[in-house]
Amino acid sequence: MKLVVAVLNPIALGDIKDRVLAIGVRGMTITEVHGFGHEPGHAEVYRGAEYEVDFVPKLRIEIVTDDEEADEIVDVIARWATTGHVGDGKVWVMPVDTAVRVSTGERGVAAI
């Protein structure tokens, strides 16, 4: 099993969700996160005071899948998240040793 993790611009979520569901993904976890990479922070003004925003809002998408589907999921995410600009995000894949469906006790691929 694999864990596909993507940290993306929030505007990409609608397209990503629709496209991964269309290829058979049965579930995902979405978390609102903040971070920075090559995309620089920016200055904002609040109540007349300017301050630097170092961390940019992003979404973290996590999908546990079987080994054979991981590359296709990565391809779909990368295709539909890109705008061609700095800050589009990153996708990576990690191995998953065990998954357990808490409600039934199923383990392995059956649990995802």
PDB file of N, CA and C in Angstrom:
ATOM      1  N   MET A   1       0.837  -1.181   0.000  1.00  0.00           N
ATOM      2  CA  MET A   1       0.000   0.000   0.000  1.00  0.00           C
ATOM      3  C   MET A   1       0.879   1.241   0.000  1.00  0.00           C
ATOM      4  N   LYS A   2       0.294   2.345  -0.461  1.00  0.00           N
ATOM      5  CA  LYS A   2       1.007   3.620  -0.546  1.00  0.00           C
ATOM      6  C   LYS A   2       0.148   4.736   0.039  1.00  0.00           C
ATOM      7  N   LEU A   3       0.815   5.763   0.530  1.00  0.00           N
ATOM      8  CA  LEU A   3       0.165   6.992   0.956  1.00  0.00           C
ATOM      9  C   LEU A   3       0.595   8.083  -0.004  1.00  0.00           C
ATOM     10  N   VAL A   4      -0.353   8.619  -0.762  1.00  0.00           N
ATOM     11  CA  VAL A   4      -0.095   9.736  -1.658  1.00  0.00           C
ATOM     12  C   VAL A   4      -0.425  11.004  -0.879  1.00  0.00           C
ATOM     13  N   VAL A   5       0.554  11.894  -0.777  1.00  0.00           N
ATOM     14  CA  VAL A   5       0.379  13.156  -0.060  1.00  0.00           C
ATOM     15  C   VAL A   5       0.611  14.288  -1.043  1.00  0.00           C
ATOM     16  N   ALA A   6      -0.304  15.244  -1.055  1.00  0.00           N
ATOM     17  CA  ALA A   6      -0.161  16.414  -1.907  1.00  0.00           C
ATOM     18  C   ALA A   6      -0.411  17.660  -1.068  1.00  0.00           C
ATOM     19  N   VAL A   7       0.466  18.634  -1.196  1.00  0.00           N
ATOM     20  CA  VAL A   7       0.268  19.942  -0.580  1.00  0.00           C
ATOM     21  C   VAL A   7       0.081  20.909  -1.733  1.00  0.00           C
ATOM     22  N   LEU A   8      -1.126  21.490  -1.819  1.00  0.00           N
ATOM     23  CA  LEU A   8      -1.527  22.218  -3.007  1.00  0.00           C
ATOM     24  C   LEU A   8      -2.191  23.540  -2.679  1.00  0.00           C
ATOM     25  N   ASN A   9      -2.319  24.348  -3.711  1.00  0.00           N
ATOM     26  CA  ASN A   9      -3.073  25.579  -3.634  1.00  0.00           C
ATOM     27  C   ASN A   9      -4.545  25.216  -3.409  1.00  0.00           C
ATOM     28  N   PRO A  10      -5.238  25.860  -2.472  1.00  0.00           N
ATOM     29  CA  PRO A  10      -6.630  25.493  -2.171  1.00  0.00           C
ATOM     30  C   PRO A  10      -7.585  25.563  -3.363  1.00  0.00           C
ATOM     31  N   ILE A  11      -7.305  26.405  -4.347  1.00  0.00           N
ATOM     32  CA  ILE A  11      -8.231  26.510  -5.472  1.00  0.00           C
ATOM     33  C   ILE A  11      -8.272  25.239  -6.324  1.00  0.00           C
ATOM     34  N   ALA A  12      -7.304  24.362  -6.165  1.00  0.00           N
ATOM     35  CA  ALA A  12      -7.247  23.131  -6.963  1.00  0.00           C
ATOM     36  C   ALA A  12      -8.147  22.026  -6.424  1.00  0.00           C
ATOM     37  N   LEU A  13      -8.675  22.175  -5.217  1.00  0.00           N
ATOM     38  CA  LEU A  13      -9.374  21.066  -4.557  1.00  0.00           C
ATOM     39  C   LEU A  13     -10.559  20.537  -5.348  1.00  0.00           C
ATOM     40  N   GLY A  14     -11.396  21.382  -5.894  1.00  0.00           N
ATOM     41  CA  GLY A  14     -12.584  20.905  -6.608  1.00  0.00           C
ATOM     42  C   GLY A  14     -12.241  19.996  -7.768  1.00  0.00           C
ATOM     43  N   ASP A  15     -11.324  20.423  -8.606  1.00  0.00           N
ATOM     44  CA  ASP A  15     -10.920  19.605  -9.751  1.00  0.00           C
ATOM     45  C   ASP A  15     -10.251  18.315  -9.302  1.00  0.00           C
ATOM     46  N   ILE A  16      -9.380  18.418  -8.315  1.00  0.00           N
ATOM     47  CA  ILE A  16      -8.672  17.217  -7.830  1.00  0.00           C
ATOM     48  C   ILE A  16      -9.664  16.197  -7.290  1.00  0.00           C
ATOM     49  N   LYS A  17     -10.570  16.643  -6.446  1.00  0.00           N
ATOM     50  CA  LYS A  17     -11.552  15.728  -5.850  1.00  0.00           C
ATOM     51  C   LYS A  17     -12.352  15.023  -6.941  1.00  0.00           C
ATOM     52  N   ASP A  18     -12.885  15.774  -7.880  1.00  0.00           N
ATOM     53  CA  ASP A  18     -13.688  15.177  -8.953  1.00  0.00           C
ATOM     54  C   ASP A  18     -12.885  14.181  -9.771  1.00  0.00           C
ATOM     55  N   ARG A  19     -11.653  14.520 -10.092  1.00  0.00           N
ATOM     56  CA  ARG A  19     -10.831  13.669 -10.969  1.00  0.00           C
ATOM     57  C   ARG A  19     -10.368  12.392 -10.273  1.00  0.00           C
ATOM     58  N   VAL A  20      -9.977  12.473  -8.989  1.00  0.00           N
ATOM     59  CA  VAL A  20      -9.529  11.238  -8.324  1.00  0.00           C
ATOM     60  C   VAL A  20     -10.716  10.319  -8.020  1.00  0.00           C
ATOM     61  N   LEU A  21     -11.881  10.896  -7.740  1.00  0.00           N
ATOM     62  CA  LEU A  21     -13.067  10.048  -7.565  1.00  0.00           C
ATOM     63  C   LEU A  21     -13.407   9.345  -8.875  1.00  0.00           C
ATOM     64  N   ALA A  22     -13.223  10.021  -9.995  1.00  0.00           N
ATOM     65  CA  ALA A  22     -13.519   9.442 -11.306  1.00  0.00           C
ATOM     66  C   ALA A  22     -12.620   8.255 -11.643  1.00  0.00           C
ATOM     67  N   ILE A  23     -11.409   8.202 -11.071  1.00  0.00           N
ATOM     68  CA  ILE A  23     -10.525   7.058 -11.353  1.00  0.00           C
ATOM     69  C   ILE A  23     -10.624   5.976 -10.285  1.00  0.00           C
ATOM     70  N   GLY A  24     -11.590   6.125  -9.340  1.00  0.00           N
ATOM     71  CA  GLY A  24     -11.850   5.049  -8.401  1.00  0.00           C
ATOM     72  C   GLY A  24     -11.353   5.241  -6.983  1.00  0.00           C
ATOM     73  N   VAL A  25     -10.807   6.403  -6.658  1.00  0.00           N
ATOM     74  CA  VAL A  25     -10.391   6.646  -5.269  1.00  0.00           C
ATOM     75  C   VAL A  25     -11.641   6.650  -4.401  1.00  0.00           C
ATOM     76  N   ARG A  26     -11.597   5.924  -3.279  1.00  0.00           N
ATOM     77  CA  ARG A  26     -12.773   5.774  -2.431  1.00  0.00           C
ATOM     78  C   ARG A  26     -12.803   6.728  -1.252  1.00  0.00           C
ATOM     79  N   GLY A  27     -11.705   7.425  -1.000  1.00  0.00           N
ATOM     80  CA  GLY A  27     -11.694   8.365   0.113  1.00  0.00           C
ATOM     81  C   GLY A  27     -10.392   9.129   0.171  1.00  0.00           C
ATOM     82  N   MET A  28     -10.427  10.247   0.870  1.00  0.00           N
ATOM     83  CA  MET A  28      -9.241  11.071   1.047  1.00  0.00           C
ATOM     84  C   MET A  28      -9.420  11.903   2.297  1.00  0.00           C
ATOM     85  N   THR A  29      -8.320  12.405   2.798  1.00  0.00           N
ATOM     86  CA  THR A  29      -8.328  13.302   3.948  1.00  0.00           C
ATOM     87  C   THR A  29      -7.773  14.640   3.500  1.00  0.00           C
ATOM     88  N   ILE A  30      -8.462  15.717   3.884  1.00  0.00           N
ATOM     89  CA  ILE A  30      -8.048  17.071   3.535  1.00  0.00           C
ATOM     90  C   ILE A  30      -7.770  17.830   4.822  1.00  0.00           C
ATOM     91  N   THR A  31      -6.633  18.506   4.876  1.00  0.00           N
ATOM     92  CA  THR A  31      -6.261  19.311   6.031  1.00  0.00           C
ATOM     93  C   THR A  31      -5.824  20.682   5.552  1.00  0.00           C
ATOM     94  N   GLU A  32      -6.285  21.732   6.224  1.00  0.00           N
ATOM     95  CA  GLU A  32      -5.800  23.071   5.914  1.00  0.00           C
ATOM     96  C   GLU A  32      -4.466  23.254   6.620  1.00  0.00           C
ATOM     97  N   VAL A  33      -3.437  23.623   5.859  1.00  0.00           N
ATOM     98  CA  VAL A  33      -2.086  23.779   6.398  1.00  0.00           C
ATOM     99  C   VAL A  33      -1.505  25.110   5.941  1.00  0.00           C
ATOM    100  N   HIS A  34      -0.390  25.488   6.528  1.00  0.00           N
ATOM    101  CA  HIS A  34       0.356  26.680   6.128  1.00  0.00           C
ATOM    102  C   HIS A  34       1.817  26.301   6.010  1.00  0.00           C
ATOM    103  N   GLY A  35       2.493  26.846   5.031  1.00  0.00           N
ATOM    104  CA  GLY A  35       3.907  26.538   4.873  1.00  0.00           C
ATOM    105  C   GLY A  35       4.536  27.437   3.843  1.00  0.00           C
ATOM    106  N   PHE A  36       5.783  27.141   3.535  1.00  0.00           N
ATOM    107  CA  PHE A  36       6.466  27.883   2.489  1.00  0.00           C
ATOM    108  C   PHE A  36       7.491  26.976   1.841  1.00  0.00           C
ATOM    109  N   GLY A  37       7.816  27.317   0.622  1.00  0.00           N
ATOM    110  CA  GLY A  37       8.831  26.606  -0.146  1.00  0.00           C
ATOM    111  C   GLY A  37       9.507  27.631  -1.019  1.00  0.00           C
ATOM    112  N   HIS A  38       9.451  27.407  -2.315  1.00  0.00           N
ATOM    113  CA  HIS A  38      10.026  28.382  -3.237  1.00  0.00           C
ATOM    114  C   HIS A  38       9.162  29.627  -3.348  1.00  0.00           C
ATOM    115  N   GLU A  39       7.875  29.474  -2.988  1.00  0.00           N
ATOM    116  CA  GLU A  39       6.962  30.606  -3.054  1.00  0.00           C
ATOM    117  C   GLU A  39       7.225  31.533  -1.870  1.00  0.00           C
ATOM    118  N   PRO A  40       7.559  32.783  -2.147  1.00  0.00           N
ATOM    119  CA  PRO A  40       7.868  33.691  -1.042  1.00  0.00           C
ATOM    120  C   PRO A  40       6.611  34.127  -0.308  1.00  0.00           C
ATOM    121  N   GLY A  41       6.795  34.592   0.919  1.00  0.00           N
ATOM    122  CA  GLY A  41       5.692  35.200   1.651  1.00  0.00           C
ATOM    123  C   GLY A  41       5.360  36.541   1.027  1.00  0.00           C
ATOM    124  N   HIS A  42       4.453  37.247   1.658  1.00  0.00           N
ATOM    125  CA  HIS A  42       4.066  38.542   1.128  1.00  0.00           C
ATOM    126  C   HIS A  42       3.674  39.469   2.270  1.00  0.00           C
ATOM    127  N   ALA A  43       3.605  40.738   1.984  1.00  0.00           N
ATOM    128  CA  ALA A  43       3.247  41.728   2.997  1.00  0.00           C
ATOM    129  C   ALA A  43       1.751  41.988   2.947  1.00  0.00           C
ATOM    130  N   GLU A  44       1.131  42.153   4.115  1.00  0.00           N
ATOM    131  CA  GLU A  44      -0.269  42.516   4.222  1.00  0.00           C
ATOM    132  C   GLU A  44      -0.400  43.666   5.204  1.00  0.00           C
ATOM    133  N   VAL A  45      -1.494  44.386   5.081  1.00  0.00           N
ATOM    134  CA  VAL A  45      -1.763  45.495   5.992  1.00  0.00           C
ATOM    135  C   VAL A  45      -2.992  45.157   6.808  1.00  0.00           C
ATOM    136  N   TYR A  46      -2.877  45.268   8.141  1.00  0.00           N
ATOM    137  CA  TYR A  46      -3.989  45.024   9.045  1.00  0.00           C
ATOM    138  C   TYR A  46      -4.077  46.189  10.014  1.00  0.00           C
ATOM    139  N   ARG A  47      -5.208  46.876   9.985  1.00  0.00           N
ATOM    140  CA  ARG A  47      -5.429  48.048  10.833  1.00  0.00           C
ATOM    141  C   ARG A  47      -4.300  49.067  10.721  1.00  0.00           C
ATOM    142  N   GLY A  48      -3.880  49.277   9.496  1.00  0.00           N
ATOM    143  CA  GLY A  48      -2.861  50.287   9.233  1.00  0.00           C
ATOM    144  C   GLY A  48      -1.433  49.850   9.444  1.00  0.00           C
ATOM    145  N   ALA A  49      -1.218  48.656   9.981  1.00  0.00           N
ATOM    146  CA  ALA A  49       0.142  48.165  10.226  1.00  0.00           C
ATOM    147  C   ALA A  49       0.481  47.104   9.183  1.00  0.00           C
ATOM    148  N   GLU A  50       1.641  47.235   8.577  1.00  0.00           N
ATOM    149  CA  GLU A  50       2.089  46.247   7.598  1.00  0.00           C
ATOM    150  C   GLU A  50       2.851  45.139   8.313  1.00  0.00           C
ATOM    151  N   TYR A  51       2.573  43.913   7.934  1.00  0.00           N
ATOM    152  CA  TYR A  51       3.308  42.781   8.490  1.00  0.00           C
ATOM    153  C   TYR A  51       3.568  41.762   7.401  1.00  0.00           C
ATOM    154  N   GLU A  52       4.584  40.950   7.618  1.00  0.00           N
ATOM    155  CA  GLU A  52       5.018  39.954   6.644  1.00  0.00           C
ATOM    156  C   GLU A  52       4.323  38.623   6.918  1.00  0.00           C
ATOM    157  N   VAL A  53       3.717  38.040   5.889  1.00  0.00           N
ATOM    158  CA  VAL A  53       3.103  36.719   5.986  1.00  0.00           C
ATOM    159  C   VAL A  53       4.104  35.728   5.414  1.00  0.00           C
ATOM    160  N   ASP A  54       4.720  34.948   6.293  1.00  0.00           N
ATOM    161  CA  ASP A  54       5.751  34.002   5.865  1.00  0.00           C
ATOM    162  C   ASP A  54       5.176  32.657   5.422  1.00  0.00           C
ATOM    163  N   PHE A  55       4.048  32.268   6.004  1.00  0.00           N
ATOM    164  CA  PHE A  55       3.468  30.976   5.704  1.00  0.00           C
ATOM    165  C   PHE A  55       2.236  31.161   4.821  1.00  0.00           C
ATOM    166  N   VAL A  56       2.207  30.424   3.721  1.00  0.00           N
ATOM    167  CA  VAL A  56       1.153  30.546   2.728  1.00  0.00           C
ATOM    168  C   VAL A  56       0.113  29.451   2.989  1.00  0.00           C
ATOM    169  N   PRO A  57      -1.189  29.776   2.926  1.00  0.00           N
ATOM    170  CA  PRO A  57      -2.212  28.747   3.135  1.00  0.00           C
ATOM    171  C   PRO A  57      -2.226  27.731   1.996  1.00  0.00           C
ATOM    172  N   LYS A  58      -2.291  26.467   2.350  1.00  0.00           N
ATOM    173  CA  LYS A  58      -2.319  25.354   1.391  1.00  0.00           C
ATOM    174  C   LYS A  58      -3.287  24.298   1.897  1.00  0.00           C
ATOM    175  N   LEU A  59      -3.585  23.310   1.075  1.00  0.00           N
ATOM    176  CA  LEU A  59      -4.334  22.133   1.480  1.00  0.00           C
ATOM    177  C   LEU A  59      -3.433  20.918   1.381  1.00  0.00           C
ATOM    178  N   ARG A  60      -3.532  20.044   2.369  1.00  0.00           N
ATOM    179  CA  ARG A  60      -2.810  18.770   2.342  1.00  0.00           C
ATOM    180  C   ARG A  60      -3.839  17.680   2.073  1.00  0.00           C
ATOM    181  N   ILE A  61      -3.631  16.956   0.992  1.00  0.00           N
ATOM    182  CA  ILE A  61      -4.515  15.860   0.609  1.00  0.00           C
ATOM    183  C   ILE A  61      -3.761  14.561   0.862  1.00  0.00           C
ATOM    184  N   GLU A  62      -4.414  13.617   1.530  1.00  0.00           N
ATOM    185  CA  GLU A  62      -3.812  12.313   1.792  1.00  0.00           C
ATOM    186  C   GLU A  62      -4.740  11.224   1.278  1.00  0.00           C
ATOM    187  N   ILE A  63      -4.180  10.318   0.496  1.00  0.00           N
ATOM    188  CA  ILE A  63      -4.942   9.213  -0.082  1.00  0.00           C
ATOM    189  C   ILE A  63      -4.139   7.932   0.126  1.00  0.00           C
ATOM    190  N   VAL A  64      -4.725   6.961   0.805  1.00  0.00           N
ATOM    191  CA  VAL A  64      -4.103   5.646   0.950  1.00  0.00           C
ATOM    192  C   VAL A  64      -4.661   4.773  -0.165  1.00  0.00           C
ATOM    193  N   THR A  65      -3.774   4.095  -0.878  1.00  0.00           N
ATOM    194  CA  THR A  65      -4.186   3.307  -2.036  1.00  0.00           C
ATOM    195  C   THR A  65      -3.305   2.070  -2.171  1.00  0.00           C
ATOM    196  N   ASP A  66      -3.681   1.197  -3.081  1.00  0.00           N
ATOM    197  CA  ASP A  66      -2.793   0.055  -3.337  1.00  0.00           C
ATOM    198  C   ASP A  66      -1.652   0.506  -4.241  1.00  0.00           C
ATOM    199  N   ASP A  67      -0.623  -0.280  -4.284  1.00  0.00           N
ATOM    200  CA  ASP A  67       0.597   0.096  -5.005  1.00  0.00           C
ATOM    201  C   ASP A  67       0.343   0.439  -6.471  1.00  0.00           C
ATOM    202  N   GLU A  68      -0.544  -0.323  -7.116  1.00  0.00           N
ATOM    203  CA  GLU A  68      -0.760  -0.163  -8.548  1.00  0.00           C
ATOM    204  C   GLU A  68      -1.446   1.156  -8.904  1.00  0.00           C
ATOM    205  N   GLU A  69      -2.229   1.737  -8.014  1.00  0.00           N
ATOM    206  CA  GLU A  69      -2.982   2.956  -8.315  1.00  0.00           C
ATOM    207  C   GLU A  69      -2.221   4.235  -7.964  1.00  0.00           C
ATOM    208  N   ALA A  70      -1.153   4.136  -7.213  1.00  0.00           N
ATOM    209  CA  ALA A  70      -0.463   5.331  -6.705  1.00  0.00           C
ATOM    210  C   ALA A  70       0.039   6.238  -7.825  1.00  0.00           C
ATOM    211  N   ASP A  71       0.679   5.687  -8.828  1.00  0.00           N
ATOM    212  CA  ASP A  71       1.220   6.520  -9.913  1.00  0.00           C
ATOM    213  C   ASP A  71       0.119   7.246 -10.675  1.00  0.00           C
ATOM    214  N   GLU A  72      -0.997   6.577 -10.911  1.00  0.00           N
ATOM    215  CA  GLU A  72      -2.104   7.213 -11.623  1.00  0.00           C
ATOM    216  C   GLU A  72      -2.684   8.364 -10.796  1.00  0.00           C
ATOM    217  N   ILE A  73      -2.793   8.182  -9.494  1.00  0.00           N
ATOM    218  CA  ILE A  73      -3.294   9.243  -8.620  1.00  0.00           C
ATOM    219  C   ILE A  73      -2.350  10.440  -8.638  1.00  0.00           C
ATOM    220  N   VAL A  74      -1.051  10.171  -8.561  1.00  0.00           N
ATOM    221  CA  VAL A  74      -0.059  11.260  -8.630  1.00  0.00           C
ATOM    222  C   VAL A  74      -0.187  12.006  -9.947  1.00  0.00           C
ATOM    223  N   ASP A  75      -0.326  11.274 -11.048  1.00  0.00           N
ATOM    224  CA  ASP A  75      -0.448  11.910 -12.362  1.00  0.00           C
ATOM    225  C   ASP A  75      -1.686  12.799 -12.440  1.00  0.00           C
ATOM    226  N   VAL A  76      -2.815  12.321 -11.919  1.00  0.00           N
ATOM    227  CA  VAL A  76      -4.052  13.103 -11.946  1.00  0.00           C
ATOM    228  C   VAL A  76      -3.899  14.368 -11.108  1.00  0.00           C
ATOM    229  N   ILE A  77      -3.347  14.229  -9.916  1.00  0.00           N
ATOM    230  CA  ILE A  77      -3.168  15.402  -9.051  1.00  0.00           C
ATOM    231  C   ILE A  77      -2.248  16.414  -9.717  1.00  0.00           C
ATOM    232  N   ALA A  78      -1.121  15.949 -10.221  1.00  0.00           N
ATOM    233  CA  ALA A  78      -0.163  16.872 -10.839  1.00  0.00           C
ATOM    234  C   ALA A  78      -0.765  17.564 -12.059  1.00  0.00           C
ATOM    235  N   ARG A  79      -1.540  16.845 -12.827  1.00  0.00           N
ATOM    236  CA  ARG A  79      -2.142  17.435 -14.037  1.00  0.00           C
ATOM    237  C   ARG A  79      -3.163  18.507 -13.688  1.00  0.00           C
ATOM    238  N   TRP A  80      -4.024  18.243 -12.709  1.00  0.00           N
ATOM    239  CA  TRP A  80      -5.129  19.151 -12.423  1.00  0.00           C
ATOM    240  C   TRP A  80      -4.791  20.223 -11.395  1.00  0.00           C
ATOM    241  N   ALA A  81      -3.638  20.144 -10.756  1.00  0.00           N
ATOM    242  CA  ALA A  81      -3.249  21.172  -9.771  1.00  0.00           C
ATOM    243  C   ALA A  81      -2.352  22.238 -10.375  1.00  0.00           C
ATOM    244  N   THR A  82      -1.835  21.988 -11.554  1.00  0.00           N
ATOM    245  CA  THR A  82      -0.848  22.910 -12.106  1.00  0.00           C
ATOM    246  C   THR A  82      -1.478  24.156 -12.729  1.00  0.00           C
ATOM    247  N   THR A  83      -0.857  25.288 -12.423  1.00  0.00           N
ATOM    248  CA  THR A  83      -1.183  26.544 -13.106  1.00  0.00           C
ATOM    249  C   THR A  83       0.030  27.032 -13.874  1.00  0.00           C
ATOM    250  N   GLY A  84       1.176  26.378 -13.619  1.00  0.00           N
ATOM    251  CA  GLY A  84       2.416  26.798 -14.255  1.00  0.00           C
ATOM    252  C   GLY A  84       3.140  27.879 -13.479  1.00  0.00           C
ATOM    253  N   HIS A  85       2.660  28.188 -12.291  1.00  0.00           N
ATOM    254  CA  HIS A  85       3.276  29.230 -11.477  1.00  0.00           C
ATOM    255  C   HIS A  85       3.904  28.633 -10.217  1.00  0.00           C
ATOM    256  N   VAL A  86       4.855  29.369  -9.654  1.00  0.00           N
ATOM    257  CA  VAL A  86       5.439  28.975  -8.376  1.00  0.00           C
ATOM    258  C   VAL A  86       4.315  28.910  -7.355  1.00  0.00           C
ATOM    259  N   GLY A  87       4.347  27.872  -6.503  1.00  0.00           N
ATOM    260  CA  GLY A  87       3.335  27.744  -5.455  1.00  0.00           C
ATOM    261  C   GLY A  87       2.243  26.746  -5.769  1.00  0.00           C
ATOM    262  N   ASP A  88       2.341  26.052  -6.914  1.00  0.00           N
ATOM    263  CA  ASP A  88       1.325  25.057  -7.253  1.00  0.00           C
ATOM    264  C   ASP A  88       1.316  23.895  -6.262  1.00  0.00           C
ATOM    265  N   GLY A  89       2.462  23.567  -5.680  1.00  0.00           N
ATOM    266  CA  GLY A  89       2.484  22.527  -4.652  1.00  0.00           C
ATOM    267  C   GLY A  89       3.458  21.411  -4.938  1.00  0.00           C
ATOM    268  N   LYS A  90       3.323  20.353  -4.149  1.00  0.00           N
ATOM    269  CA  LYS A  90       4.175  19.164  -4.248  1.00  0.00           C
ATOM    270  C   LYS A  90       3.312  17.929  -4.026  1.00  0.00           C
ATOM    271  N   VAL A  91       3.744  16.810  -4.595  1.00  0.00           N
ATOM    272  CA  VAL A  91       3.104  15.509  -4.375  1.00  0.00           C
ATOM    273  C   VAL A  91       4.201  14.507  -4.095  1.00  0.00           C
ATOM    274  N   TRP A  92       4.001  13.659  -3.091  1.00  0.00           N
ATOM    275  CA  TRP A  92       4.964  12.597  -2.835  1.00  0.00           C
ATOM    276  C   TRP A  92       4.228  11.345  -2.388  1.00  0.00           C
ATOM    277  N   VAL A  93       4.934  10.213  -2.445  1.00  0.00           N
ATOM    278  CA  VAL A  93       4.352   8.909  -2.138  1.00  0.00           C
ATOM    279  C   VAL A  93       5.221   8.222  -1.101  1.00  0.00           C
ATOM    280  N   MET A  94       4.562   7.631  -0.104  1.00  0.00           N
ATOM    281  CA  MET A  94       5.274   6.909   0.958  1.00  0.00           C
ATOM    282  C   MET A  94       4.668   5.517   1.124  1.00  0.00           C
ATOM    283  N   PRO A  95       5.474   4.558   1.545  1.00  0.00           N
ATOM    284  CA  PRO A  95       4.924   3.225   1.797  1.00  0.00           C
ATOM    285  C   PRO A  95       4.070   3.214   3.060  1.00  0.00           C
ATOM    286  N   VAL A  96       3.052   2.354   3.054  1.00  0.00           N
ATOM    287  CA  VAL A  96       2.189   2.148   4.220  1.00  0.00           C
ATOM    288  C   VAL A  96       2.308   0.682   4.603  1.00  0.00           C
ATOM    289  N   ASP A  97       2.709   0.428   5.830  1.00  0.00           N
ATOM    290  CA  ASP A  97       2.880  -0.945   6.299  1.00  0.00           C
ATOM    291  C   ASP A  97       1.558  -1.620   6.644  1.00  0.00           C
ATOM    292  N   THR A  98       0.669  -0.882   7.302  1.00  0.00           N
ATOM    293  CA  THR A  98      -0.585  -1.468   7.770  1.00  0.00           C
ATOM    294  C   THR A  98      -1.694  -0.436   7.712  1.00  0.00           C
ATOM    295  N   ALA A  99      -2.883  -0.894   7.356  1.00  0.00           N
ATOM    296  CA  ALA A  99      -4.094  -0.085   7.461  1.00  0.00           C
ATOM    297  C   ALA A  99      -5.160  -0.954   8.112  1.00  0.00           C
ATOM    298  N   VAL A 100      -5.928  -0.374   9.025  1.00  0.00           N
ATOM    299  CA  VAL A 100      -6.982  -1.106   9.719  1.00  0.00           C
ATOM    300  C   VAL A 100      -8.262  -0.284   9.653  1.00  0.00           C
ATOM    301  N   ARG A 101      -9.338  -0.890   9.185  1.00  0.00           N
ATOM    302  CA  ARG A 101     -10.655  -0.250   9.243  1.00  0.00           C
ATOM    303  C   ARG A 101     -11.199  -0.489  10.640  1.00  0.00           C
ATOM    304  N   VAL A 102     -11.307   0.549  11.406  1.00  0.00           N
ATOM    305  CA  VAL A 102     -11.652   0.449  12.819  1.00  0.00           C
ATOM    306  C   VAL A 102     -13.022  -0.192  13.015  1.00  0.00           C
ATOM    307  N   SER A 103     -13.997   0.135  12.170  1.00  0.00           N
ATOM    308  CA  SER A 103     -15.360  -0.374  12.373  1.00  0.00           C
ATOM    309  C   SER A 103     -15.478  -1.876  12.178  1.00  0.00           C
ATOM    310  N   THR A 104     -14.638  -2.472  11.311  1.00  0.00           N
ATOM    311  CA  THR A 104     -14.774  -3.899  11.005  1.00  0.00           C
ATOM    312  C   THR A 104     -13.565  -4.736  11.394  1.00  0.00           C
ATOM    313  N   GLY A 105     -12.437  -4.084  11.624  1.00  0.00           N
ATOM    314  CA  GLY A 105     -11.208  -4.813  11.910  1.00  0.00           C
ATOM    315  C   GLY A 105     -10.485  -5.295  10.664  1.00  0.00           C
ATOM    316  N   GLU A 106     -11.002  -4.994   9.481  1.00  0.00           N
ATOM    317  CA  GLU A 106     -10.332  -5.402   8.242  1.00  0.00           C
ATOM    318  C   GLU A 106      -8.940  -4.784   8.197  1.00  0.00           C
ATOM    319  N   ARG A 107      -8.000  -5.511   7.613  1.00  0.00           N
ATOM    320  CA  ARG A 107      -6.618  -5.054   7.518  1.00  0.00           C
ATOM    321  C   ARG A 107      -6.157  -5.091   6.085  1.00  0.00           C
ATOM    322  N   GLY A 108      -5.124  -4.290   5.822  1.00  0.00           N
ATOM    323  CA  GLY A 108      -4.498  -4.269   4.496  1.00  0.00           C
ATOM    324  C   GLY A 108      -5.332  -3.503   3.481  1.00  0.00           C
ATOM    325  N   VAL A 109      -5.245  -3.917   2.224  1.00  0.00           N
ATOM    326  CA  VAL A 109      -5.931  -3.219   1.141  1.00  0.00           C
ATOM    327  C   VAL A 109      -7.443  -3.212   1.354  1.00  0.00           C
ATOM    328  N   ALA A 110      -7.990  -4.238   1.961  1.00  0.00           N
ATOM    329  CA  ALA A 110      -9.427  -4.284   2.234  1.00  0.00           C
ATOM    330  C   ALA A 110      -9.872  -3.161   3.171  1.00  0.00           C
ATOM    331  N   ALA A 111      -8.948  -2.639   3.958  1.00  0.00           N
ATOM    332  CA  ALA A 111      -9.276  -1.580   4.906  1.00  0.00           C
ATOM    333  C   ALA A 111      -9.318  -0.200   4.271  1.00  0.00           C
ATOM    334  N   ILE A 112      -8.799  -0.083   3.051  1.00  0.00           N
ATOM    335  CA  ILE A 112      -8.815   1.236   2.431  1.00  0.00           C
ATOM    336  C   ILE A 112      -9.967   1.304   1.492  1.00  0.00           C
TER     337      ILE A 112
END
